[in-house]
Amino acid sequence: MTFALCLQLPNHIKFKRPLDIYANFIPQMIFLQSIFGYLAVCILYKWSIDWSTRSTEPPSLLNMLIAMFLTPGKVDPQAQLYRGQGFIQVVLLLLALICVPWMLCTKPYFQWKEMQKIQGQGYIGLGHRNGASRESTDEVLEIEEEGNGPVIVEEMEDEHVRYGTGR
């Protein structure tokens, strides 16, 4: 998942979309690493400890992750992986929780502000004339579909007849 997120970054940079970097990439990376990155670090730490010399059993990392959400800041001493675990888990959980509204609200807000700025310059969306909806009668649509094609063909026929190259 981290690799897929990292693949997006060069695209955001190449296509000059800093909003995607600040509103998508950064909060997604923080969210992902504060939960799953933390779990990966805990797995490596658990593997690096010789549990046969310890007085406690190795803790269940699945239960640790579940308890991180259900009882933040409280760690059972028998299931504690390291000192200060409760504080670290609360900080990581707060980071993850901050990222959710960041991802949901930031980009739509800035896109809305950009739209307001464009409309403030006098531009309006297609299909609107003075606030009214666009006419869509069959006659109007027929004229739009025909365009200038028949006029051009008639002018070419007139030129052929005038210069004697006609049929």
C-alpha atoms as a PDB file:
ATOM      1  CA  MET A   1       0.000   0.000   0.000  1.00  0.00           C
ATOM      2  CA  THR A   2       2.859   2.337   0.794  1.00  0.00           C
ATOM      3  CA  PHE A   3       4.462   1.559  -2.559  1.00  0.00           C
ATOM      4  CA  ALA A   4       1.241   2.395  -4.409  1.00  0.00           C
ATOM      5  CA  LEU A   5       1.011   5.723  -2.587  1.00  0.00           C
ATOM      6  CA  CYS A   6       4.625   6.482  -3.392  1.00  0.00           C
ATOM      7  CA  LEU A   7       3.962   5.813  -7.085  1.00  0.00           C
ATOM      8  CA  GLN A   8       1.372   8.612  -7.085  1.00  0.00           C
ATOM      9  CA  LEU A   9       3.843  11.243  -5.907  1.00  0.00           C
ATOM     10  CA  PRO A  10       5.868  11.551  -9.169  1.00  0.00           C
ATOM     11  CA  ASN A  11       2.596  11.972 -11.092  1.00  0.00           C
ATOM     12  CA  HIS A  12       1.445  14.747  -8.771  1.00  0.00           C
ATOM     13  CA  ILE A  13       4.802  16.472  -9.183  1.00  0.00           C
ATOM     14  CA  LYS A  14       4.977  15.999 -12.968  1.00  0.00           C
ATOM     15  CA  PHE A  15       1.461  17.290 -13.599  1.00  0.00           C
ATOM     16  CA  LYS A  16       1.980  20.155 -11.119  1.00  0.00           C
ATOM     17  CA  ARG A  17      -0.835  19.233  -8.739  1.00  0.00           C
ATOM     18  CA  PRO A  18       0.380  20.378  -5.316  1.00  0.00           C
ATOM     19  CA  LEU A  19      -3.153  20.132  -3.927  1.00  0.00           C
ATOM     20  CA  ASP A  20      -3.083  16.371  -4.507  1.00  0.00           C
ATOM     21  CA  ILE A  21       0.187  16.161  -2.598  1.00  0.00           C
ATOM     22  CA  TYR A  22      -1.058  18.145   0.396  1.00  0.00           C
ATOM     23  CA  ALA A  23      -4.668  16.934   0.417  1.00  0.00           C
ATOM     24  CA  ASN A  24      -4.225  13.292  -0.607  1.00  0.00           C
ATOM     25  CA  PHE A  25      -0.694  11.941  -0.471  1.00  0.00           C
ATOM     26  CA  ILE A  26       0.478  13.335   2.878  1.00  0.00           C
ATOM     27  CA  PRO A  27      -2.649  12.498   4.938  1.00  0.00           C
ATOM     28  CA  GLN A  28      -2.962   9.061   3.333  1.00  0.00           C
ATOM     29  CA  MET A  29       0.668   8.289   4.129  1.00  0.00           C
ATOM     30  CA  ILE A  30       0.328   9.498   7.728  1.00  0.00           C
ATOM     31  CA  PHE A  31      -2.874   7.490   8.198  1.00  0.00           C
ATOM     32  CA  LEU A  32      -1.391   4.349   6.675  1.00  0.00           C
ATOM     33  CA  GLN A  33       1.872   4.504   8.604  1.00  0.00           C
ATOM     34  CA  SER A  34       0.282   5.430  11.930  1.00  0.00           C
ATOM     35  CA  ILE A  35      -1.739   2.219  11.869  1.00  0.00           C
ATOM     36  CA  PHE A  36      -0.196  -0.364   9.565  1.00  0.00           C
ATOM     37  CA  GLY A  37       3.355   0.983   9.644  1.00  0.00           C
ATOM     38  CA  TYR A  38       3.182   0.858  13.436  1.00  0.00           C
ATOM     39  CA  LEU A  39       1.970  -2.749  13.235  1.00  0.00           C
ATOM     40  CA  ALA A  40       4.876  -3.656  10.911  1.00  0.00           C
ATOM     41  CA  VAL A  41       7.392  -2.072  13.323  1.00  0.00           C
ATOM     42  CA  CYS A  42       5.809  -3.981  16.234  1.00  0.00           C
ATOM     43  CA  ILE A  43       6.105  -7.240  14.277  1.00  0.00           C
ATOM     44  CA  LEU A  44       9.810  -6.640  13.650  1.00  0.00           C
ATOM     45  CA  TYR A  45      10.360  -5.654  17.282  1.00  0.00           C
ATOM     46  CA  LYS A  46       8.537  -8.759  18.521  1.00  0.00           C
ATOM     47  CA  TRP A  47      10.701 -10.956  16.287  1.00  0.00           C
ATOM     48  CA  SER A  48      13.883  -9.342  17.573  1.00  0.00           C
ATOM     49  CA  ILE A  49      13.197 -10.183  21.244  1.00  0.00           C
ATOM     50  CA  ASP A  50      14.196 -13.498  22.831  1.00  0.00           C
ATOM     51  CA  TRP A  51      10.937 -14.302  24.653  1.00  0.00           C
ATOM     52  CA  SER A  52      12.381 -17.397  26.348  1.00  0.00           C
ATOM     53  CA  THR A  53      14.376 -15.181  28.719  1.00  0.00           C
ATOM     54  CA  ARG A  54      11.399 -12.964  29.593  1.00  0.00           C
ATOM     55  CA  SER A  55       8.954 -13.581  32.423  1.00  0.00           C
ATOM     56  CA  THR A  56       5.929 -12.713  30.231  1.00  0.00           C
ATOM     57  CA  GLU A  57       4.455 -14.378  27.188  1.00  0.00           C
ATOM     58  CA  PRO A  58       4.810 -12.655  23.815  1.00  0.00           C
ATOM     59  CA  PRO A  59       1.815 -10.369  23.291  1.00  0.00           C
ATOM     60  CA  SER A  60      -0.726 -10.925  20.546  1.00  0.00           C
ATOM     61  CA  LEU A  61      -0.231  -8.126  18.035  1.00  0.00           C
ATOM     62  CA  LEU A  62      -3.744  -8.502  16.657  1.00  0.00           C
ATOM     63  CA  ASN A  63      -5.202  -7.981  20.123  1.00  0.00           C
ATOM     64  CA  MET A  64      -2.786  -5.090  20.658  1.00  0.00           C
ATOM     65  CA  LEU A  65      -4.023  -3.356  17.493  1.00  0.00           C
ATOM     66  CA  ILE A  66      -7.671  -3.898  18.428  1.00  0.00           C
ATOM     67  CA  ALA A  67      -7.076  -2.605  21.959  1.00  0.00           C
ATOM     68  CA  MET A  68      -5.306   0.424  20.513  1.00  0.00           C
ATOM     69  CA  PHE A  69      -8.667   1.533  19.065  1.00  0.00           C
ATOM     70  CA  LEU A  70     -10.995   0.273  21.775  1.00  0.00           C
ATOM     71  CA  THR A  71      -9.053   1.392  24.866  1.00  0.00           C
ATOM     72  CA  PRO A  72      -6.529   4.015  23.781  1.00  0.00           C
ATOM     73  CA  GLY A  73      -3.749   4.667  26.264  1.00  0.00           C
ATOM     74  CA  LYS A  74      -4.444   1.570  28.367  1.00  0.00           C
ATOM     75  CA  VAL A  75      -2.115  -1.387  27.916  1.00  0.00           C
ATOM     76  CA  ASP A  76      -2.314  -4.571  29.978  1.00  0.00           C
ATOM     77  CA  PRO A  77       1.070  -5.045  31.723  1.00  0.00           C
ATOM     78  CA  GLN A  78       1.072  -8.728  30.725  1.00  0.00           C
ATOM     79  CA  ALA A  79       0.536  -7.800  27.052  1.00  0.00           C
ATOM     80  CA  GLN A  80       2.901  -4.809  26.969  1.00  0.00           C
ATOM     81  CA  LEU A  81       5.448  -4.973  24.169  1.00  0.00           C
ATOM     82  CA  TYR A  82       7.581  -1.997  25.237  1.00  0.00           C
ATOM     83  CA  ARG A  83       7.641   0.851  27.764  1.00  0.00           C
ATOM     84  CA  GLY A  84       5.598   3.908  26.800  1.00  0.00           C
ATOM     85  CA  GLN A  85       3.403   1.862  24.469  1.00  0.00           C
ATOM     86  CA  GLY A  86       0.147   3.498  25.609  1.00  0.00           C
ATOM     87  CA  PHE A  87       1.377   7.039  24.917  1.00  0.00           C
ATOM     88  CA  ILE A  88       2.772   6.123  21.478  1.00  0.00           C
ATOM     89  CA  GLN A  89      -0.486   4.419  20.528  1.00  0.00           C
ATOM     90  CA  VAL A  90      -2.555   7.456  21.570  1.00  0.00           C
ATOM     91  CA  VAL A  91      -0.353   9.782  19.505  1.00  0.00           C
ATOM     92  CA  LEU A  92      -0.575   7.507  16.452  1.00  0.00           C
ATOM     93  CA  LEU A  93      -4.323   7.150  16.873  1.00  0.00           C
ATOM     94  CA  LEU A  94      -4.748  10.929  17.086  1.00  0.00           C
ATOM     95  CA  LEU A  95      -2.671  11.365  13.933  1.00  0.00           C
ATOM     96  CA  ALA A  96      -4.879   8.852  12.117  1.00  0.00           C
ATOM     97  CA  LEU A  97      -8.048  10.564  13.336  1.00  0.00           C
ATOM     98  CA  ILE A  98      -6.807  13.989  12.224  1.00  0.00           C
ATOM     99  CA  CYS A  99      -6.102  12.638   8.751  1.00  0.00           C
ATOM    100  CA  VAL A 100      -9.703  11.552   8.119  1.00  0.00           C
ATOM    101  CA  PRO A 101     -11.292  15.036   7.972  1.00  0.00           C
ATOM    102  CA  TRP A 102      -8.099  16.323   6.348  1.00  0.00           C
ATOM    103  CA  MET A 103      -8.586  13.888   3.459  1.00  0.00           C
ATOM    104  CA  LEU A 104     -12.349  14.379   3.245  1.00  0.00           C
ATOM    105  CA  CYS A 105     -12.555  18.181   3.473  1.00  0.00           C
ATOM    106  CA  THR A 106      -9.345  19.777   2.213  1.00  0.00           C
ATOM    107  CA  LYS A 107      -9.454  19.009  -1.508  1.00  0.00           C
ATOM    108  CA  PRO A 108     -13.194  19.702  -1.986  1.00  0.00           C
ATOM    109  CA  TYR A 109     -12.808  22.996  -0.110  1.00  0.00           C
ATOM    110  CA  PHE A 110      -9.931  24.203  -2.270  1.00  0.00           C
ATOM    111  CA  GLN A 111     -11.715  23.087  -5.445  1.00  0.00           C
ATOM    112  CA  TRP A 112     -14.787  25.015  -4.327  1.00  0.00           C
ATOM    113  CA  LYS A 113     -12.643  28.103  -3.646  1.00  0.00           C
ATOM    114  CA  GLU A 114     -11.095  27.788  -7.130  1.00  0.00           C
ATOM    115  CA  MET A 115     -14.552  27.532  -8.690  1.00  0.00           C
ATOM    116  CA  GLN A 116     -15.690  30.648  -6.789  1.00  0.00           C
ATOM    117  CA  LYS A 117     -12.597  32.490  -8.012  1.00  0.00           C
ATOM    118  CA  ILE A 118     -13.273  31.505 -11.627  1.00  0.00           C
ATOM    119  CA  GLN A 119     -16.931  32.493 -11.396  1.00  0.00           C
ATOM    120  CA  GLY A 120     -15.866  35.776  -9.811  1.00  0.00           C
ATOM    121  CA  GLN A 121     -13.889  36.543 -12.969  1.00  0.00           C
ATOM    122  CA  GLY A 122     -17.091  36.345 -14.995  1.00  0.00           C
ATOM    123  CA  TYR A 123     -16.887  32.816 -16.323  1.00  0.00           C
ATOM    124  CA  ILE A 124     -19.892  30.539 -16.085  1.00  0.00           C
ATOM    125  CA  GLY A 125     -20.334  26.907 -16.930  1.00  0.00           C
ATOM    126  CA  LEU A 126     -21.449  25.688 -20.335  1.00  0.00           C
ATOM    127  CA  GLY A 127     -25.151  25.504 -20.889  1.00  0.00           C
ATOM    128  CA  HIS A 128     -26.011  28.705 -19.012  1.00  0.00           C
ATOM    129  CA  ARG A 129     -27.042  31.981 -20.557  1.00  0.00           C
ATOM    130  CA  ASN A 130     -27.652  34.696 -18.006  1.00  0.00           C
ATOM    131  CA  GLY A 131     -28.496  32.091 -15.409  1.00  0.00           C
ATOM    132  CA  ALA A 132     -31.105  30.398 -17.625  1.00  0.00           C
ATOM    133  CA  SER A 133     -30.773  26.867 -18.858  1.00  0.00           C
ATOM    134  CA  ARG A 134     -29.762  26.229 -22.446  1.00  0.00           C
ATOM    135  CA  GLU A 135     -32.430  25.820 -25.115  1.00  0.00           C
ATOM    136  CA  SER A 136     -32.700  22.272 -26.316  1.00  0.00           C
ATOM    137  CA  THR A 137     -35.525  22.300 -28.858  1.00  0.00           C
ATOM    138  CA  ASP A 138     -35.211  20.070 -31.891  1.00  0.00           C
ATOM    139  CA  GLU A 139     -34.845  23.054 -34.224  1.00  0.00           C
ATOM    140  CA  VAL A 140     -31.928  24.528 -32.242  1.00  0.00           C
ATOM    141  CA  LEU A 141     -30.205  21.164 -32.012  1.00  0.00           C
ATOM    142  CA  GLU A 142     -30.712  20.511 -35.753  1.00  0.00           C
ATOM    143  CA  ILE A 143     -29.041  23.808 -36.650  1.00  0.00           C
ATOM    144  CA  GLU A 144     -26.131  22.994 -34.337  1.00  0.00           C
ATOM    145  CA  GLU A 145     -25.696  19.551 -35.858  1.00  0.00           C
ATOM    146  CA  GLU A 146     -25.726  20.808 -39.447  1.00  0.00           C
ATOM    147  CA  GLY A 147     -23.218  23.558 -38.813  1.00  0.00           C
ATOM    148  CA  ASN A 148     -21.704  25.196 -41.916  1.00  0.00           C
ATOM    149  CA  GLY A 149     -21.389  22.002 -43.954  1.00  0.00           C
ATOM    150  CA  PRO A 150     -24.271  22.570 -46.418  1.00  0.00           C
ATOM    151  CA  VAL A 151     -23.227  26.202 -47.021  1.00  0.00           C
ATOM    152  CA  ILE A 152     -19.670  25.205 -47.899  1.00  0.00           C
ATOM    153  CA  VAL A 153     -20.845  22.481 -50.288  1.00  0.00           C
ATOM    154  CA  GLU A 154     -23.158  24.916 -52.083  1.00  0.00           C
ATOM    155  CA  GLU A 155     -20.346  27.475 -52.456  1.00  0.00           C
ATOM    156  CA  MET A 156     -18.035  24.830 -53.935  1.00  0.00           C
ATOM    157  CA  GLU A 157     -20.715  23.796 -56.454  1.00  0.00           C
ATOM    158  CA  ASP A 158     -21.167  27.440 -57.461  1.00  0.00           C
ATOM    159  CA  GLU A 159     -17.403  27.800 -58.052  1.00  0.00           C
ATOM    160  CA  HIS A 160     -17.334  24.678 -60.255  1.00  0.00           C
ATOM    161  CA  VAL A 161     -20.226  25.970 -62.381  1.00  0.00           C
ATOM    162  CA  ARG A 162     -18.695  29.474 -62.675  1.00  0.00           C
ATOM    163  CA  TYR A 163     -15.324  28.249 -63.945  1.00  0.00           C
ATOM    164  CA  GLY A 164     -16.644  25.552 -66.231  1.00  0.00           C
ATOM    165  CA  THR A 165     -15.284  22.657 -64.233  1.00  0.00           C
ATOM    166  CA  GLY A 166     -18.723  21.581 -63.066  1.00  0.00           C
ATOM    167  CA  ARG A 167     -20.482  18.361 -63.856  1.00  0.00           C
END
